[in-house]
């Protein structure tokens, strides 16, 4: 038999089953929290016009940071001036990402507390919360003896680096689920581990960190087997299916656009309803037409193209008024 006639298996694939219950449709409200990979998948939800919100306080890499912000949002524990730090000519909060930083203390405080309000509202109405954990390594701020979400380039000597145990992470995830369920009993949780490798911690340390995260999530799931808590194998898809540096960005650490598209394809197969998949295809077609640049905007052909496009948008919005282009 010639080589071309053989069935060649060029990769190992993770077998994923369609989620049988509580899938995501265009009426769902999806909240994505966690590492920068949450933002990547969040971009997909936004592009396909689902009702979604991503990281109200910016990227959060570890579970304790996510738990802290969920606790503050649910209890409406607003920030005060004493929790802000002035560094590099701007004000920052060690519990939030640097994208919220401001040159004015008042502006930062208003932003943080507005995000508490927004997160409180979204946690109560979310149908699905997707949490992506990035690392088990954390930094403790010596001045307050508190674990922070972001060091904001303060001096390294002001922090102590620690590795969260599996038990600590499991307890944190249990707290997250319990906190949210108190205000939103029917919410679905989807946990995943970021495929981004934190090589600044070291190769061995990164593996140790990821293993703690995976073990903790599965420990949680074993206790909540029938309580709308699920695992999606983003990390395993990259490590075991896409085992090639062509699926990484130039830094050789972050998955590139091709890898993100591949993971999104797996995710939508598992979690989106059949109707949502069809609507997503229509949205993608409309998005492509909107991005089209005509040779002659004043031509009859282009005006007909625009009229047809508006008709397609109107048709989809009649069924799903929340979709806007």
Protein backbone atom coordinates (compact mmCIF):
# COMPACT_ATOMS: atom_id res chain seq x y z
CA UNK A 1 0.00 0.00 0.00
CA UNK A 2 1.34 3.41 -0.98
CA UNK A 3 1.85 5.97 1.79
CA UNK A 4 -0.80 8.26 0.27
CA UNK A 5 -3.36 5.46 0.60
CA UNK A 6 -2.76 4.91 4.30
CA UNK A 7 -4.84 6.53 6.96
CA UNK A 8 -2.39 8.77 8.74
CA UNK A 9 -3.14 10.03 12.23
CA UNK A 10 -1.04 13.15 12.69
CA UNK A 11 -2.26 14.19 16.12
CA UNK A 12 -3.90 12.83 19.24
CA UNK A 13 -7.36 14.23 19.86
CA UNK A 14 -9.22 14.72 23.10
CA UNK A 15 -12.67 13.20 22.84
CA UNK A 16 -15.24 15.80 23.83
CA UNK A 17 -18.96 15.18 24.24
CA UNK A 18 -21.70 17.67 23.56
CA UNK A 19 -22.91 19.18 26.82
CA UNK A 20 -26.38 17.61 27.26
CA UNK A 21 -27.90 20.27 29.53
CA UNK A 22 -27.74 24.00 30.24
CA UNK A 23 -25.97 24.94 27.03
CA UNK A 24 -25.20 28.48 25.95
CA UNK A 25 -27.60 30.20 23.57
CA UNK A 26 -28.21 33.82 22.58
CA UNK A 27 -30.38 34.39 25.62
CA UNK A 28 -27.54 33.37 27.96
CA UNK A 29 -25.53 35.86 29.99
CA UNK A 30 -21.90 34.78 30.11
CA UNK A 31 -19.35 36.16 32.57
CA UNK A 32 -15.69 35.34 31.93
CA UNK A 33 -13.14 35.73 34.70
CA UNK A 34 -9.47 34.95 35.09
CA UNK A 35 -6.31 34.95 33.02
CA UNK A 36 -5.61 36.58 29.67
CA UNK A 37 -6.99 33.44 28.02
CA UNK A 38 -10.40 34.47 29.37
CA UNK A 39 -10.02 37.63 27.31
CA UNK A 40 -9.21 35.58 24.20
CA UNK A 41 -12.39 33.51 24.53
CA UNK A 42 -14.28 36.62 25.63
CA UNK A 43 -13.33 38.24 22.33
CA UNK A 44 -15.00 35.33 20.55
CA UNK A 45 -18.22 35.78 22.51
CA UNK A 46 -18.14 39.49 21.70
CA UNK A 47 -17.44 38.94 18.00
CA UNK A 48 -20.34 36.51 17.69
CA UNK A 49 -22.56 38.94 19.63
CA UNK A 50 -23.40 36.88 22.68
CA UNK A 51 -24.39 38.68 25.87
CA UNK A 52 -21.13 38.56 27.76
CA UNK A 53 -18.83 40.46 30.09
CA UNK A 54 -15.10 39.87 30.60
CA UNK A 55 -12.99 40.61 33.68
CA UNK A 56 -14.59 43.72 35.22
CA UNK A 57 -11.39 44.27 37.25
CA UNK A 58 -9.01 43.26 34.49
CA UNK A 59 -7.02 40.06 34.15
CA UNK A 60 -6.78 37.94 37.31
CA UNK A 61 -4.26 35.11 37.23
CA UNK A 62 -4.91 33.09 40.38
CA UNK A 63 -8.02 31.82 42.22
CA UNK A 64 -7.61 33.86 45.41
CA UNK A 65 -7.70 37.09 43.40
CA UNK A 66 -10.88 35.98 41.66
CA UNK A 67 -12.45 34.88 44.94
CA UNK A 68 -11.60 38.21 46.56
CA UNK A 69 -13.20 40.28 43.82
CA UNK A 70 -16.30 38.07 43.67
CA UNK A 71 -16.66 38.46 47.44
CA UNK A 72 -16.34 42.24 47.21
CA UNK A 73 -18.79 42.41 44.31
CA UNK A 74 -21.45 40.25 45.94
CA UNK A 75 -21.22 42.02 49.31
CA UNK A 76 -20.73 45.44 47.67
CA UNK A 77 -17.57 45.98 49.69
CA UNK A 78 -16.50 49.26 48.11
CA UNK A 79 -12.89 50.39 47.95
CA UNK A 80 -11.52 53.21 50.07
CA UNK A 81 -8.53 55.51 49.57
CA UNK A 82 -6.45 53.52 52.06
CA UNK A 83 -6.48 50.55 49.64
CA UNK A 84 -4.85 52.49 46.82
CA UNK A 85 -1.10 52.72 46.17
CA UNK A 86 0.79 55.51 44.40
CA UNK A 87 3.59 54.18 42.21
CA UNK A 88 5.28 55.32 38.99
CA UNK A 89 3.28 58.56 39.00
CA UNK A 90 -0.09 56.84 39.02
CA UNK A 91 -2.57 55.32 41.42
CA UNK A 92 -3.15 51.58 41.43
CA UNK A 93 -4.96 48.90 43.41
CA UNK A 94 -3.12 45.67 44.17
CA UNK A 95 -6.41 43.77 43.83
CA UNK A 96 -7.03 44.93 40.25
CA UNK A 97 -5.21 44.92 36.93
CA UNK A 98 -3.05 47.82 35.79
CA UNK A 99 -5.50 48.72 33.01
CA UNK A 100 -7.63 50.36 35.71
CA UNK A 101 -4.74 52.55 36.93
CA UNK A 102 -5.26 56.31 36.91
CA UNK A 103 -3.28 59.49 37.56
CA UNK A 104 -6.07 60.61 39.87
CA UNK A 105 -6.94 58.82 43.10
CA UNK A 106 -10.58 59.86 42.70
CA UNK A 107 -10.80 58.49 39.17
CA UNK A 108 -9.40 55.12 40.19
CA UNK A 109 -11.68 54.89 43.20
CA UNK A 110 -14.73 55.71 41.09
CA UNK A 111 -13.69 53.15 38.48
CA UNK A 112 -13.15 50.38 41.01
CA UNK A 113 -16.45 50.97 42.76
CA UNK A 114 -18.34 51.27 39.48
CA UNK A 115 -16.91 47.86 38.54
CA UNK A 116 -18.09 46.45 41.87
CA UNK A 117 -21.62 47.58 40.97
CA UNK A 118 -21.35 46.13 37.46
CA UNK A 119 -19.92 42.83 38.68
CA UNK A 120 -22.59 42.56 41.39
CA UNK A 121 -25.30 42.99 38.76
CA UNK A 122 -23.74 40.52 36.33
CA UNK A 123 -23.02 37.85 38.95
CA UNK A 124 -26.70 37.87 39.88
CA UNK A 125 -27.96 37.50 36.31
CA UNK A 126 -25.28 35.30 34.70
CA UNK A 127 -26.39 31.98 33.32
CA UNK A 128 -22.79 30.82 32.84
CA UNK A 129 -19.55 31.84 34.54
CA UNK A 130 -16.34 30.74 32.82
CA UNK A 131 -13.30 30.88 35.09
CA UNK A 132 -9.83 30.40 33.63
CA UNK A 133 -7.06 29.86 36.14
CA UNK A 134 -3.56 30.88 35.07
CA UNK A 135 -1.20 30.12 37.93
CA UNK A 136 -0.95 28.81 41.48
CA UNK A 137 1.96 31.16 42.23
CA UNK A 138 0.95 34.22 44.24
CA UNK A 139 2.60 37.25 45.82
CA UNK A 140 2.01 38.38 49.38
CA UNK A 141 2.38 42.12 50.04
CA UNK A 142 4.49 42.37 53.17
CA UNK A 143 3.05 45.74 54.25
CA UNK A 144 -0.48 44.32 54.62
CA UNK A 145 0.27 40.57 54.76
CA UNK A 146 -2.32 40.09 51.98
CA UNK A 147 -2.01 38.12 48.76
CA UNK A 148 -2.38 40.48 45.82
CA UNK A 149 -3.70 40.12 42.29
CA UNK A 150 -1.10 42.35 40.67
CA UNK A 151 2.23 43.73 41.90
CA UNK A 152 2.10 46.79 39.61
CA UNK A 153 5.90 46.80 39.30
CA UNK A 154 6.46 47.67 42.95
CA UNK A 155 9.85 46.59 44.25
CA UNK A 156 10.25 42.82 44.48
CA UNK A 157 11.49 43.05 48.07
CA UNK A 158 8.01 44.26 49.08
CA UNK A 159 6.53 40.83 48.29
CA UNK A 160 6.89 37.20 49.27
CA UNK A 161 6.30 34.62 46.54
CA UNK A 162 4.23 31.56 47.51
CA UNK A 163 2.79 28.50 45.80
CA UNK A 164 -0.84 27.73 46.62
CA UNK A 165 -1.48 24.13 47.62
CA UNK A 166 -4.14 21.99 45.96
CA UNK A 167 -6.15 22.24 49.17
CA UNK A 168 -5.95 26.06 49.23
CA UNK A 169 -7.08 26.31 45.62
CA UNK A 170 -9.92 23.84 46.13
CA UNK A 171 -11.14 25.78 49.16
CA UNK A 172 -11.03 29.00 47.15
CA UNK A 173 -13.04 27.48 44.29
CA UNK A 174 -15.56 26.08 46.76
CA UNK A 175 -15.93 29.56 48.23
CA UNK A 176 -16.45 31.08 44.77
CA UNK A 177 -19.19 28.61 43.90
CA UNK A 178 -20.93 29.02 47.26
CA UNK A 179 -20.74 32.82 47.15
CA UNK A 180 -22.24 33.10 43.69
CA UNK A 181 -24.85 30.40 44.32
CA UNK A 182 -26.09 32.42 47.29
CA UNK A 183 -27.31 35.15 44.90
CA UNK A 184 -27.68 33.08 41.73
CA UNK A 185 -28.63 29.45 42.52
CA UNK A 186 -28.97 28.24 38.92
CA UNK A 187 -25.72 29.56 37.49
CA UNK A 188 -23.47 27.16 35.56
CA UNK A 189 -19.72 27.17 36.23
CA UNK A 190 -17.19 26.22 33.56
CA UNK A 191 -13.64 25.93 34.87
CA UNK A 192 -10.59 25.73 32.67
CA UNK A 193 -6.82 26.13 32.99
CA UNK A 194 -5.02 28.63 30.80
CA UNK A 195 -2.67 27.11 28.20
CA UNK A 196 -0.40 30.14 28.61
CA UNK A 197 2.85 28.95 30.18
CA UNK A 198 4.21 31.15 32.98
CA UNK A 199 7.85 30.51 32.15
CA UNK A 200 9.09 33.47 34.19
CA UNK A 201 8.39 31.25 37.18
CA UNK A 202 10.54 28.54 35.60
CA UNK A 203 9.71 25.49 33.48
CA UNK A 204 9.43 23.08 36.40
CA UNK A 205 7.62 25.65 38.53
CA UNK A 206 5.10 26.27 35.75
CA UNK A 207 4.33 22.56 35.49
CA UNK A 208 3.94 22.32 39.25
CA UNK A 209 1.62 25.33 39.23
CA UNK A 210 -0.59 24.00 36.44
CA UNK A 211 -0.81 20.58 38.10
CA UNK A 212 -2.05 22.19 41.32
CA UNK A 213 -4.74 24.06 39.38
CA UNK A 214 -5.92 20.98 37.48
CA UNK A 215 -5.96 18.82 40.61
CA UNK A 216 -7.91 21.43 42.58
CA UNK A 217 -10.57 21.86 39.88
CA UNK A 218 -11.12 18.12 39.69
CA UNK A 219 -11.25 17.93 43.47
CA UNK A 220 -14.03 20.52 43.36
CA UNK A 221 -15.86 18.66 40.62
CA UNK A 222 -15.72 15.39 42.55
CA UNK A 223 -17.59 17.12 45.39
CA UNK A 224 -20.04 18.87 43.09
CA UNK A 225 -20.57 16.22 40.44
CA UNK A 226 -24.19 17.17 39.81
CA UNK A 227 -24.22 20.84 40.68
CA UNK A 228 -23.69 22.58 37.33
CA UNK A 229 -19.90 22.69 37.67
CA UNK A 230 -17.89 21.60 34.63
CA UNK A 231 -14.36 21.40 33.27
CA UNK A 232 -13.27 22.38 29.78
CA UNK A 233 -9.78 21.15 28.79
CA UNK A 234 -8.24 24.25 27.18
CA UNK A 235 -4.85 23.42 28.66
CA UNK A 236 -4.95 19.81 27.52
CA UNK A 237 -6.05 20.74 24.00
CA UNK A 238 -2.94 22.89 23.53
CA UNK A 239 -0.56 20.53 25.32
CA UNK A 240 -1.83 17.28 23.77
CA UNK A 241 -3.47 18.19 20.46
CA UNK A 242 -1.56 21.27 19.33
CA UNK A 243 1.89 20.04 20.28
CA UNK A 244 3.77 22.36 17.94
CA UNK A 245 5.27 25.84 18.27
CA UNK A 246 3.41 26.96 15.14
CA UNK A 247 0.41 27.31 17.45
CA UNK A 248 2.21 29.86 19.62
CA UNK A 249 2.74 33.58 19.27
CA UNK A 250 6.22 35.04 18.74
CA UNK A 251 6.92 34.94 22.47
CA UNK A 252 6.56 31.13 22.33
CA UNK A 253 4.38 31.35 25.43
CA UNK A 254 0.92 32.55 24.41
CA UNK A 255 -1.29 30.56 22.03
CA UNK A 256 -1.62 32.35 18.70
CA UNK A 257 -4.79 33.21 16.81
CA UNK A 258 -4.86 29.82 15.08
CA UNK A 259 -4.73 27.99 18.43
CA UNK A 260 -7.41 30.23 19.93
CA UNK A 261 -9.66 29.58 16.93
CA UNK A 262 -9.08 25.85 17.35
CA UNK A 263 -9.99 25.92 21.05
CA UNK A 264 -13.02 28.09 20.34
CA UNK A 265 -14.14 25.52 17.76
CA UNK A 266 -13.98 22.80 20.41
CA UNK A 267 -15.69 24.95 23.01
CA UNK A 268 -18.60 25.95 20.81
CA UNK A 269 -19.16 22.32 19.79
CA UNK A 270 -19.43 21.31 23.46
CA UNK A 271 -21.29 24.28 24.89
CA UNK A 272 -23.34 26.09 22.23
CA UNK A 273 -26.84 24.96 21.30
CA UNK A 274 -27.46 23.93 17.70
CA UNK A 275 -29.56 27.04 17.22
CA UNK A 276 -26.77 29.22 18.65
CA UNK A 277 -24.27 27.66 16.24
CA UNK A 278 -26.52 28.58 13.31
CA UNK A 279 -27.00 32.15 14.57
CA UNK A 280 -23.25 32.47 15.15
CA UNK A 281 -22.63 31.53 11.51
CA UNK A 282 -25.06 34.23 10.39
CA UNK A 283 -23.43 36.78 12.70
CA UNK A 284 -20.00 35.87 11.31
CA UNK A 285 -21.26 36.36 7.75
CA UNK A 286 -22.66 39.78 8.68
CA UNK A 287 -19.42 40.74 10.44
CA UNK A 288 -17.46 39.84 7.31
CA UNK A 289 -19.76 41.96 5.15
CA UNK A 290 -19.49 44.91 7.53
CA UNK A 291 -15.70 44.67 7.28
CA UNK A 292 -15.88 44.66 3.47
CA UNK A 293 -14.34 47.71 1.79
CA UNK A 294 -15.95 48.52 -1.58
CA UNK A 295 -14.04 49.74 -4.62
CA UNK A 296 -16.77 52.29 -5.30
CA UNK A 297 -19.02 53.17 -2.33
CA UNK A 298 -21.34 55.14 -4.62
CA UNK A 299 -21.99 52.35 -7.08
CA UNK A 300 -25.43 50.80 -7.55
CA UNK A 301 -24.00 47.37 -6.76
CA UNK A 302 -22.67 48.58 -3.41
CA UNK A 303 -25.98 50.23 -2.49
CA UNK A 304 -27.73 46.96 -3.22
CA UNK A 305 -25.13 45.19 -1.10
CA UNK A 306 -25.81 47.60 1.80
CA UNK A 307 -29.59 47.21 1.49
CA UNK A 308 -29.27 43.42 1.62
CA UNK A 309 -26.91 43.67 4.59
CA UNK A 310 -29.34 45.88 6.51
CA UNK A 311 -32.12 43.43 5.75
CA UNK A 312 -30.02 40.56 7.16
CA UNK A 313 -29.22 42.57 10.29
CA UNK A 314 -32.89 43.43 10.78
CA UNK A 315 -33.92 39.80 10.40
CA UNK A 316 -31.52 38.60 13.09
CA UNK A 317 -32.34 41.50 15.43
CA UNK A 318 -36.08 40.79 15.17
CA UNK A 319 -35.41 37.44 16.82
CA UNK A 320 -32.54 38.55 19.07
CA UNK A 321 -32.91 42.27 19.91
CA UNK A 322 -29.83 42.16 22.12
CA UNK A 323 -27.60 41.66 19.06
CA UNK A 324 -26.18 44.96 17.86
CA UNK A 325 -23.63 45.64 15.13
